[in-house]
């Protein structure tokens, strides 16, 4: 018993030293990080977008077109984004589209499913089985409402930049 404990102790110490060495070496590879922050007034939580993320946005002006580009680089010095290797200044972006929170998208999918299932069940019950007690208009109305709610919750959310929301570029450097 005593012999087994003494054999395992040097192994544990060697593993601790190896982990410490790996931790020390891994800190040298960290150089910095650039990110685009979507901030909301009076909120501490921000949405972070990194290089490689997709951005759906509309430019300032009369055109009514939504661009869908990938962030290829972030230039904090000039407050510019490189979107598919095209330079776009932050103040030229009028609004962006973002997915809703995951819980709302799940509820949206459930709404779609409820609407489709209720429509199918009502149709089969009323016309397939000739059941006169089925209140078809009321059930079709509930199915339509559920489908509409599911569609709304599954859509992208449009965020207009201005007083309430803003974009900001942040660069974190380790020196």
N, C-alpha and C. Protein backbone atom coordinates (compact mmCIF):
# COMPACT_ATOMS: atom_id res chain seq x y z
N UNK A 1 0.82 -1.18 0.00
CA UNK A 1 0.00 0.00 0.00
C UNK A 1 0.87 1.25 0.00
N UNK A 2 1.88 1.26 0.86
CA UNK A 2 2.77 2.40 0.92
C UNK A 2 3.52 2.56 -0.40
N UNK A 3 3.87 1.47 -1.03
CA UNK A 3 4.62 1.49 -2.27
C UNK A 3 3.80 2.08 -3.41
N UNK A 4 2.51 1.83 -3.44
CA UNK A 4 1.67 2.34 -4.52
C UNK A 4 1.51 3.86 -4.40
N UNK A 5 1.40 4.38 -3.21
CA UNK A 5 1.24 5.82 -3.04
C UNK A 5 2.51 6.55 -3.44
N UNK A 6 3.65 6.02 -3.13
CA UNK A 6 4.90 6.70 -3.46
C UNK A 6 5.16 6.67 -4.96
N UNK A 7 4.68 5.63 -5.67
CA UNK A 7 4.85 5.59 -7.12
C UNK A 7 3.93 6.58 -7.83
N UNK A 8 2.74 6.80 -7.30
CA UNK A 8 1.81 7.69 -7.98
C UNK A 8 2.15 9.17 -7.73
N UNK A 9 2.82 9.49 -6.64
CA UNK A 9 3.13 10.88 -6.31
C UNK A 9 4.09 11.51 -7.33
N UNK A 10 5.19 10.86 -7.72
CA UNK A 10 6.05 11.48 -8.75
C UNK A 10 5.34 11.64 -10.09
N UNK A 11 4.43 10.73 -10.40
CA UNK A 11 3.68 10.86 -11.65
C UNK A 11 2.78 12.09 -11.60
N UNK A 12 2.14 12.31 -10.46
CA UNK A 12 1.27 13.48 -10.32
C UNK A 12 2.07 14.76 -10.42
N UNK A 13 3.25 14.77 -9.80
CA UNK A 13 4.09 15.96 -9.86
C UNK A 13 4.57 16.22 -11.28
N UNK A 14 4.89 15.17 -11.99
CA UNK A 14 5.34 15.34 -13.38
C UNK A 14 4.21 15.89 -14.24
N UNK A 15 2.98 15.43 -14.02
CA UNK A 15 1.84 15.94 -14.77
C UNK A 15 1.58 17.41 -14.44
N UNK A 16 1.73 17.78 -13.18
CA UNK A 16 1.54 19.18 -12.79
C UNK A 16 2.57 20.06 -13.46
N UNK A 17 3.83 19.60 -13.49
CA UNK A 17 4.88 20.38 -14.14
C UNK A 17 4.64 20.48 -15.65
N UNK A 18 4.18 19.42 -16.25
CA UNK A 18 3.90 19.43 -17.68
C UNK A 18 2.75 20.39 -18.01
N UNK A 19 1.69 20.37 -17.21
CA UNK A 19 0.57 21.29 -17.40
C UNK A 19 1.00 22.74 -17.21
N UNK A 20 1.83 22.99 -16.22
CA UNK A 20 2.33 24.34 -15.99
C UNK A 20 3.19 24.81 -17.16
N UNK A 21 4.01 23.94 -17.70
CA UNK A 21 4.85 24.27 -18.85
C UNK A 21 3.98 24.58 -20.08
N UNK A 22 2.93 23.77 -20.32
CA UNK A 22 2.03 24.02 -21.45
C UNK A 22 1.28 25.33 -21.29
N UNK A 23 0.87 25.64 -20.09
CA UNK A 23 0.19 26.91 -19.83
C UNK A 23 1.10 28.10 -20.10
N UNK A 24 2.34 27.99 -19.67
CA UNK A 24 3.29 29.09 -19.89
C UNK A 24 3.59 29.27 -21.37
N UNK A 25 3.73 28.18 -22.10
CA UNK A 25 4.02 28.27 -23.53
C UNK A 25 2.82 28.77 -24.33
N UNK A 26 1.62 28.47 -23.89
CA UNK A 26 0.44 28.88 -24.64
C UNK A 26 0.19 30.38 -24.55
N UNK A 27 0.70 31.04 -23.53
CA UNK A 27 0.48 32.48 -23.40
C UNK A 27 1.30 33.27 -24.42
N UNK A 28 2.36 32.70 -24.93
CA UNK A 28 3.19 33.41 -25.89
C UNK A 28 2.54 33.48 -27.27
N UNK A 29 1.59 32.62 -27.57
CA UNK A 29 0.98 32.64 -28.89
C UNK A 29 -0.17 33.63 -29.00
N UNK A 30 -0.63 34.18 -27.89
CA UNK A 30 -1.73 35.14 -27.90
C UNK A 30 -1.19 36.50 -28.30
N UNK A 31 -1.74 37.08 -29.39
CA UNK A 31 -1.23 38.36 -29.86
C UNK A 31 -2.25 39.47 -29.69
N UNK A 32 -3.52 39.21 -29.83
CA UNK A 32 -4.53 40.24 -29.71
C UNK A 32 -5.81 39.79 -30.38
N UNK A 33 -6.81 40.64 -30.28
CA UNK A 33 -8.11 40.29 -30.83
C UNK A 33 -8.83 41.56 -31.24
N UNK A 34 -9.47 41.49 -32.42
CA UNK A 34 -10.29 42.59 -32.91
C UNK A 34 -11.72 42.11 -32.98
N UNK A 35 -12.65 42.97 -32.57
CA UNK A 35 -14.05 42.59 -32.63
C UNK A 35 -14.92 43.81 -32.90
N UNK A 36 -16.08 43.52 -33.44
CA UNK A 36 -17.09 44.53 -33.68
C UNK A 36 -18.17 44.34 -32.63
N UNK A 37 -18.50 45.40 -31.90
CA UNK A 37 -19.49 45.32 -30.84
C UNK A 37 -20.78 46.01 -31.28
N UNK A 38 -21.90 45.34 -31.07
CA UNK A 38 -23.21 45.95 -31.23
C UNK A 38 -23.70 46.27 -29.83
N UNK A 39 -23.79 47.57 -29.53
CA UNK A 39 -24.15 48.01 -28.19
C UNK A 39 -25.55 48.59 -28.19
N UNK A 40 -26.23 48.45 -27.07
CA UNK A 40 -27.55 49.03 -26.88
C UNK A 40 -27.49 49.99 -25.71
N UNK A 41 -28.19 51.10 -25.81
CA UNK A 41 -28.16 52.12 -24.76
C UNK A 41 -28.67 51.53 -23.45
N UNK A 42 -28.00 51.87 -22.37
CA UNK A 42 -28.35 51.47 -21.00
C UNK A 42 -28.29 49.96 -20.78
N UNK A 43 -27.53 49.25 -21.56
CA UNK A 43 -27.34 47.81 -21.38
C UNK A 43 -25.85 47.51 -21.30
N UNK A 44 -25.47 46.67 -20.37
CA UNK A 44 -24.06 46.30 -20.24
C UNK A 44 -23.68 45.19 -21.22
N UNK A 45 -24.65 44.34 -21.59
CA UNK A 45 -24.37 43.23 -22.48
C UNK A 45 -24.28 43.71 -23.93
N UNK A 46 -23.27 43.24 -24.63
CA UNK A 46 -23.09 43.58 -26.03
C UNK A 46 -23.09 42.31 -26.88
N UNK A 47 -23.32 42.49 -28.16
CA UNK A 47 -23.20 41.39 -29.12
C UNK A 47 -21.86 41.54 -29.82
N UNK A 48 -21.06 40.50 -29.79
CA UNK A 48 -19.73 40.56 -30.37
C UNK A 48 -19.71 39.85 -31.71
N UNK A 49 -19.13 40.50 -32.71
CA UNK A 49 -18.95 39.93 -34.04
C UNK A 49 -17.45 39.88 -34.31
N UNK A 50 -16.99 38.75 -34.81
CA UNK A 50 -15.56 38.54 -35.03
C UNK A 50 -15.27 38.39 -36.52
N UNK A 51 -13.99 38.35 -36.85
CA UNK A 51 -13.58 38.12 -38.23
C UNK A 51 -14.05 36.72 -38.63
N UNK A 52 -14.72 36.63 -39.77
CA UNK A 52 -15.28 35.37 -40.25
C UNK A 52 -16.77 35.29 -40.04
N UNK A 53 -17.35 36.16 -39.21
CA UNK A 53 -18.79 36.18 -39.00
C UNK A 53 -19.48 36.86 -40.18
N UNK A 54 -20.74 36.50 -40.37
CA UNK A 54 -21.53 37.08 -41.45
C UNK A 54 -22.29 38.29 -40.93
N UNK A 55 -22.35 39.34 -41.75
CA UNK A 55 -23.05 40.56 -41.37
C UNK A 55 -24.05 40.92 -42.46
N UNK A 56 -25.32 41.10 -42.08
CA UNK A 56 -26.37 41.57 -42.99
C UNK A 56 -26.62 43.02 -42.63
N UNK A 57 -26.47 43.93 -43.60
CA UNK A 57 -26.56 45.34 -43.30
C UNK A 57 -27.14 46.11 -44.48
N UNK A 58 -27.59 47.34 -44.19
CA UNK A 58 -28.10 48.27 -45.18
C UNK A 58 -27.28 49.55 -45.05
N UNK A 59 -26.89 50.11 -46.17
CA UNK A 59 -26.08 51.32 -46.18
C UNK A 59 -26.96 52.56 -46.02
N UNK A 60 -26.34 53.66 -45.58
CA UNK A 60 -27.03 54.94 -45.47
C UNK A 60 -27.32 55.43 -46.89
N UNK A 61 -28.52 55.94 -47.10
CA UNK A 61 -28.87 56.48 -48.41
C UNK A 61 -30.24 56.02 -48.84
N UNK A 62 -30.54 56.21 -50.10
CA UNK A 62 -31.86 55.93 -50.65
C UNK A 62 -32.04 54.47 -51.07
N UNK A 63 -30.96 53.74 -51.29
CA UNK A 63 -31.11 52.37 -51.78
C UNK A 63 -31.75 51.47 -50.72
N UNK A 64 -32.57 50.56 -51.19
CA UNK A 64 -33.30 49.66 -50.29
C UNK A 64 -32.79 48.24 -50.53
N UNK A 65 -31.51 47.99 -50.24
CA UNK A 65 -30.89 46.70 -50.51
C UNK A 65 -30.15 46.24 -49.27
N UNK A 66 -30.34 44.99 -48.91
CA UNK A 66 -29.64 44.40 -47.78
C UNK A 66 -28.44 43.63 -48.30
N UNK A 67 -27.25 43.97 -47.81
CA UNK A 67 -26.03 43.26 -48.17
C UNK A 67 -25.80 42.12 -47.18
N UNK A 68 -25.22 41.05 -47.67
CA UNK A 68 -24.86 39.92 -46.84
C UNK A 68 -23.38 39.63 -47.11
N UNK A 69 -22.53 40.03 -46.21
CA UNK A 69 -21.08 39.92 -46.40
C UNK A 69 -20.43 39.28 -45.18
N UNK A 70 -19.24 38.75 -45.40
CA UNK A 70 -18.44 38.16 -44.34
C UNK A 70 -17.38 39.16 -43.91
N UNK A 71 -17.19 39.29 -42.61
CA UNK A 71 -16.17 40.20 -42.08
C UNK A 71 -14.81 39.55 -42.33
N UNK A 72 -13.99 40.17 -43.19
CA UNK A 72 -12.67 39.62 -43.49
C UNK A 72 -11.57 40.29 -42.67
N UNK A 73 -11.79 41.55 -42.27
CA UNK A 73 -10.81 42.22 -41.41
C UNK A 73 -11.50 43.39 -40.71
N UNK A 74 -10.95 43.78 -39.60
CA UNK A 74 -11.45 44.92 -38.83
C UNK A 74 -10.28 45.87 -38.63
N UNK A 75 -10.45 47.12 -39.08
CA UNK A 75 -9.39 48.12 -39.00
C UNK A 75 -9.77 49.18 -37.97
N UNK A 76 -9.28 49.06 -36.73
CA UNK A 76 -9.70 50.00 -35.68
C UNK A 76 -9.17 51.42 -35.87
N UNK A 77 -8.03 51.58 -36.52
CA UNK A 77 -7.43 52.90 -36.69
C UNK A 77 -8.33 53.81 -37.52
N UNK A 78 -8.92 53.27 -38.58
CA UNK A 78 -9.74 54.08 -39.48
C UNK A 78 -11.24 53.83 -39.28
N UNK A 79 -11.62 53.04 -38.25
CA UNK A 79 -13.01 52.73 -37.95
C UNK A 79 -13.71 52.13 -39.17
N UNK A 80 -13.04 51.14 -39.78
CA UNK A 80 -13.48 50.55 -41.04
C UNK A 80 -13.57 49.03 -40.91
N UNK A 81 -14.56 48.46 -41.57
CA UNK A 81 -14.69 47.01 -41.69
C UNK A 81 -14.33 46.60 -43.10
N UNK A 82 -13.64 45.48 -43.21
CA UNK A 82 -13.40 44.89 -44.52
C UNK A 82 -14.42 43.76 -44.66
N UNK A 83 -15.40 43.96 -45.53
CA UNK A 83 -16.48 42.99 -45.74
C UNK A 83 -16.30 42.39 -47.12
N UNK A 84 -15.90 41.12 -47.18
CA UNK A 84 -15.54 40.45 -48.43
C UNK A 84 -14.54 41.29 -49.21
N UNK A 85 -13.55 41.83 -48.50
CA UNK A 85 -12.45 42.64 -49.04
C UNK A 85 -12.92 43.96 -49.64
N UNK A 86 -14.06 44.48 -49.23
CA UNK A 86 -14.52 45.82 -49.57
C UNK A 86 -14.56 46.63 -48.29
N UNK A 87 -13.99 47.83 -48.33
CA UNK A 87 -13.94 48.67 -47.14
C UNK A 87 -15.28 49.37 -46.93
N UNK A 88 -15.80 49.27 -45.71
CA UNK A 88 -17.05 49.93 -45.34
C UNK A 88 -16.81 50.63 -44.00
N UNK A 89 -17.03 51.95 -43.98
CA UNK A 89 -16.90 52.71 -42.73
C UNK A 89 -18.12 52.43 -41.86
N UNK A 90 -17.92 52.45 -40.55
CA UNK A 90 -19.01 52.14 -39.63
C UNK A 90 -20.14 53.16 -39.71
N UNK A 91 -19.82 54.44 -39.95
CA UNK A 91 -20.87 55.44 -40.01
C UNK A 91 -21.68 55.37 -41.30
N UNK A 92 -21.29 54.53 -42.27
CA UNK A 92 -22.06 54.34 -43.50
C UNK A 92 -23.10 53.23 -43.37
N UNK A 93 -23.10 52.50 -42.27
CA UNK A 93 -24.06 51.42 -42.06
C UNK A 93 -25.28 52.00 -41.34
N UNK A 94 -26.46 51.86 -41.96
CA UNK A 94 -27.69 52.42 -41.40
C UNK A 94 -28.37 51.45 -40.45
N UNK A 95 -28.50 50.19 -40.85
CA UNK A 95 -29.16 49.19 -40.01
C UNK A 95 -28.59 47.81 -40.33
N UNK A 96 -28.79 46.90 -39.38
CA UNK A 96 -28.30 45.53 -39.56
C UNK A 96 -29.43 44.56 -39.21
N UNK A 97 -29.26 43.32 -39.65
CA UNK A 97 -30.20 42.25 -39.32
C UNK A 97 -29.45 41.22 -38.48
N UNK A 98 -30.09 40.80 -37.40
CA UNK A 98 -29.52 39.78 -36.52
C UNK A 98 -30.58 38.73 -36.23
N UNK A 99 -30.15 37.50 -36.00
CA UNK A 99 -31.07 36.45 -35.56
C UNK A 99 -31.61 36.81 -34.19
N UNK A 100 -32.82 36.37 -33.91
CA UNK A 100 -33.36 36.54 -32.56
C UNK A 100 -32.64 35.57 -31.62
N UNK A 101 -32.89 35.70 -30.35
CA UNK A 101 -32.28 34.80 -29.37
C UNK A 101 -32.76 33.38 -29.63
N UNK A 102 -31.94 32.37 -29.30
CA UNK A 102 -32.31 30.98 -29.61
C UNK A 102 -33.65 30.53 -29.04
N UNK A 103 -34.02 31.00 -27.87
CA UNK A 103 -35.29 30.57 -27.28
C UNK A 103 -36.46 31.03 -28.14
N UNK A 104 -36.37 32.23 -28.71
CA UNK A 104 -37.45 32.74 -29.56
C UNK A 104 -37.50 31.99 -30.88
N UNK A 105 -36.33 31.60 -31.41
CA UNK A 105 -36.33 30.82 -32.66
C UNK A 105 -36.90 29.43 -32.43
N UNK A 106 -36.65 28.84 -31.26
CA UNK A 106 -37.22 27.53 -30.93
C UNK A 106 -38.73 27.64 -30.82
N UNK A 107 -39.20 28.69 -30.14
CA UNK A 107 -40.65 28.90 -30.02
C UNK A 107 -41.28 29.17 -31.39
N UNK A 108 -40.55 29.84 -32.28
CA UNK A 108 -41.06 30.07 -33.63
C UNK A 108 -41.21 28.77 -34.40
N UNK A 109 -40.24 27.90 -34.30
CA UNK A 109 -40.34 26.60 -34.96
C UNK A 109 -41.49 25.78 -34.38
N UNK A 110 -41.68 25.88 -33.06
CA UNK A 110 -42.81 25.18 -32.43
C UNK A 110 -44.14 25.74 -32.92
N UNK A 111 -44.20 27.05 -33.13
CA UNK A 111 -45.42 27.66 -33.66
C UNK A 111 -45.74 27.18 -35.07
N UNK A 112 -44.70 27.10 -35.91
CA UNK A 112 -44.88 26.54 -37.26
C UNK A 112 -45.43 25.12 -37.17
N UNK A 113 -44.82 24.31 -36.33
CA UNK A 113 -45.21 22.91 -36.21
C UNK A 113 -46.64 22.78 -35.70
N UNK A 114 -46.99 23.57 -34.69
CA UNK A 114 -48.35 23.53 -34.17
C UNK A 114 -49.36 23.92 -35.24
N UNK A 115 -49.07 24.97 -36.00
CA UNK A 115 -49.98 25.42 -37.05
C UNK A 115 -50.18 24.37 -38.13
N UNK A 116 -49.10 23.75 -38.58
CA UNK A 116 -49.22 22.73 -39.63
C UNK A 116 -49.95 21.49 -39.12
N UNK A 117 -49.62 21.05 -37.92
CA UNK A 117 -50.26 19.86 -37.36
C UNK A 117 -51.75 20.09 -37.10
N UNK A 118 -52.08 21.24 -36.55
CA UNK A 118 -53.49 21.54 -36.28
C UNK A 118 -54.30 21.67 -37.56
N UNK A 119 -53.72 22.25 -38.60
CA UNK A 119 -54.41 22.34 -39.89
C UNK A 119 -54.65 20.95 -40.46
N UNK A 120 -53.64 20.10 -40.42
CA UNK A 120 -53.78 18.75 -40.95
C UNK A 120 -54.82 17.95 -40.16
N UNK A 121 -54.74 18.02 -38.83
CA UNK A 121 -55.67 17.26 -38.00
C UNK A 121 -57.11 17.74 -38.17
N UNK A 122 -57.31 19.04 -38.30
CA UNK A 122 -58.65 19.58 -38.50
C UNK A 122 -59.21 19.15 -39.85
N UNK A 123 -58.38 19.20 -40.88
CA UNK A 123 -58.83 18.80 -42.22
C UNK A 123 -59.19 17.31 -42.24
N UNK A 124 -58.35 16.48 -41.66
CA UNK A 124 -58.63 15.04 -41.65
C UNK A 124 -59.88 14.74 -40.82
N UNK A 125 -60.02 15.38 -39.67
CA UNK A 125 -61.18 15.13 -38.82
C UNK A 125 -62.48 15.60 -39.45
N UNK A 126 -62.45 16.77 -40.07
CA UNK A 126 -63.68 17.34 -40.62
C UNK A 126 -64.07 16.68 -41.94
N UNK A 127 -63.11 16.54 -42.84
CA UNK A 127 -63.44 16.05 -44.18
C UNK A 127 -63.11 14.58 -44.38
N UNK A 128 -62.10 14.07 -43.71
CA UNK A 128 -61.75 12.65 -43.86
C UNK A 128 -62.71 11.73 -43.13
N UNK A 129 -63.01 12.11 -41.88
CA UNK A 129 -63.90 11.28 -41.06
C UNK A 129 -65.33 11.81 -41.00
N UNK A 130 -65.61 12.92 -41.66
CA UNK A 130 -66.94 13.53 -41.71
C UNK A 130 -67.48 13.82 -40.31
N UNK A 131 -66.62 14.32 -39.44
CA UNK A 131 -67.02 14.65 -38.07
C UNK A 131 -67.60 16.06 -38.05
N UNK A 132 -68.91 16.16 -37.77
CA UNK A 132 -69.61 17.45 -37.80
C UNK A 132 -69.37 18.27 -36.52
N UNK A 133 -68.85 17.65 -35.47
CA UNK A 133 -68.65 18.37 -34.21
C UNK A 133 -67.35 19.17 -34.20
N UNK A 134 -66.52 19.03 -35.22
CA UNK A 134 -65.26 19.76 -35.30
C UNK A 134 -65.57 21.21 -35.68
N UNK A 135 -65.10 22.16 -34.86
CA UNK A 135 -65.29 23.58 -35.13
C UNK A 135 -64.14 24.05 -36.02
N UNK A 136 -64.26 23.79 -37.32
CA UNK A 136 -63.17 24.03 -38.27
C UNK A 136 -62.75 25.49 -38.34
N UNK A 137 -63.65 26.48 -38.45
CA UNK A 137 -63.18 27.87 -38.54
C UNK A 137 -62.34 28.31 -37.34
N UNK A 138 -62.76 27.92 -36.15
CA UNK A 138 -62.01 28.29 -34.94
C UNK A 138 -60.63 27.63 -34.93
N UNK A 139 -60.56 26.36 -35.28
CA UNK A 139 -59.27 25.65 -35.29
C UNK A 139 -58.35 26.15 -36.39
N UNK A 140 -58.92 26.48 -37.58
CA UNK A 140 -58.09 27.06 -38.65
C UNK A 140 -57.57 28.44 -38.25
N UNK A 141 -58.36 29.18 -37.51
CA UNK A 141 -57.90 30.49 -37.02
C UNK A 141 -56.75 30.36 -36.04
N UNK A 142 -56.85 29.40 -35.13
CA UNK A 142 -55.76 29.16 -34.18
C UNK A 142 -54.50 28.71 -34.93
N UNK A 143 -54.67 27.84 -35.93
CA UNK A 143 -53.52 27.37 -36.71
C UNK A 143 -52.88 28.51 -37.47
N UNK A 144 -53.69 29.41 -38.05
CA UNK A 144 -53.14 30.55 -38.78
C UNK A 144 -52.39 31.48 -37.83
N UNK A 145 -52.95 31.72 -36.64
CA UNK A 145 -52.27 32.57 -35.66
C UNK A 145 -50.96 31.97 -35.19
N UNK A 146 -50.95 30.68 -34.98
CA UNK A 146 -49.72 30.00 -34.55
C UNK A 146 -48.66 30.04 -35.64
N UNK A 147 -49.07 29.84 -36.88
CA UNK A 147 -48.12 29.90 -37.99
C UNK A 147 -47.57 31.31 -38.17
N UNK A 148 -48.43 32.32 -38.03
CA UNK A 148 -47.97 33.71 -38.15
C UNK A 148 -46.99 34.06 -37.02
N UNK A 149 -47.27 33.62 -35.81
CA UNK A 149 -46.35 33.87 -34.70
C UNK A 149 -45.02 33.14 -34.92
N UNK A 150 -45.08 31.91 -35.44
CA UNK A 150 -43.86 31.17 -35.74
C UNK A 150 -43.03 31.85 -36.81
N UNK A 151 -43.71 32.39 -37.82
CA UNK A 151 -43.00 33.11 -38.90
C UNK A 151 -42.32 34.35 -38.33
N UNK A 152 -43.03 35.11 -37.50
CA UNK A 152 -42.48 36.33 -36.93
C UNK A 152 -41.27 36.03 -36.05
N UNK A 153 -41.35 35.00 -35.23
CA UNK A 153 -40.25 34.68 -34.31
C UNK A 153 -39.05 34.06 -35.02
N UNK A 154 -39.24 33.52 -36.23
CA UNK A 154 -38.15 32.91 -36.97
C UNK A 154 -37.42 33.91 -37.87
N UNK A 155 -38.00 35.08 -38.08
CA UNK A 155 -37.41 36.10 -38.95
C UNK A 155 -36.18 36.72 -38.31
N UNK A 156 -35.37 37.37 -39.17
CA UNK A 156 -34.29 38.21 -38.67
C UNK A 156 -34.88 39.44 -38.00
N UNK A 157 -34.19 39.95 -37.02
CA UNK A 157 -34.61 41.18 -36.34
C UNK A 157 -33.84 42.34 -36.95
N UNK A 158 -34.54 43.37 -37.39
CA UNK A 158 -33.89 44.55 -37.97
C UNK A 158 -33.56 45.53 -36.86
N UNK A 159 -32.30 45.94 -36.83
CA UNK A 159 -31.83 46.87 -35.80
C UNK A 159 -31.35 48.13 -36.50
N UNK A 160 -32.04 49.23 -36.25
CA UNK A 160 -31.66 50.52 -36.83
C UNK A 160 -30.63 51.17 -35.91
N UNK A 161 -29.51 51.55 -36.49
CA UNK A 161 -28.43 52.16 -35.71
C UNK A 161 -28.71 53.64 -35.53
N UNK A 162 -28.40 54.15 -34.38
CA UNK A 162 -28.65 55.56 -34.08
C UNK A 162 -28.54 55.80 -32.60
N UNK A 163 -29.60 56.38 -32.01
CA UNK A 163 -29.56 56.72 -30.58
C UNK A 163 -29.60 55.49 -29.68
N UNK A 164 -30.37 54.48 -30.07
CA UNK A 164 -30.55 53.31 -29.20
C UNK A 164 -29.47 52.24 -29.40
N UNK A 165 -29.04 52.00 -30.63
CA UNK A 165 -28.02 50.99 -30.95
C UNK A 165 -26.85 51.65 -31.68
N UNK A 166 -25.66 51.10 -31.47
CA UNK A 166 -24.50 51.59 -32.21
C UNK A 166 -23.51 50.45 -32.40
N UNK A 167 -22.66 50.61 -33.42
CA UNK A 167 -21.56 49.69 -33.69
C UNK A 167 -20.27 50.35 -33.25
N UNK A 168 -19.38 49.55 -32.69
CA UNK A 168 -18.09 50.06 -32.22
C UNK A 168 -17.03 49.00 -32.45
N UNK A 169 -15.86 49.41 -32.86
CA UNK A 169 -14.74 48.49 -33.06
C UNK A 169 -13.83 48.55 -31.84
N UNK A 170 -13.45 47.36 -31.34
CA UNK A 170 -12.58 47.26 -30.19
C UNK A 170 -11.42 46.34 -30.55
N UNK A 171 -10.23 46.74 -30.15
CA UNK A 171 -9.04 45.90 -30.34
C UNK A 171 -8.40 45.68 -28.99
N UNK A 172 -8.18 44.42 -28.66
CA UNK A 172 -7.53 44.06 -27.41
C UNK A 172 -6.13 43.58 -27.75
N UNK A 173 -5.12 44.26 -27.18
CA UNK A 173 -3.72 43.91 -27.45
C UNK A 173 -3.08 43.43 -26.17
N UNK A 174 -2.27 42.40 -26.30
CA UNK A 174 -1.48 41.89 -25.18
C UNK A 174 -0.02 42.21 -25.48
N UNK A 175 0.58 43.03 -24.66
CA UNK A 175 1.99 43.41 -24.92
C UNK A 175 2.88 42.99 -23.81
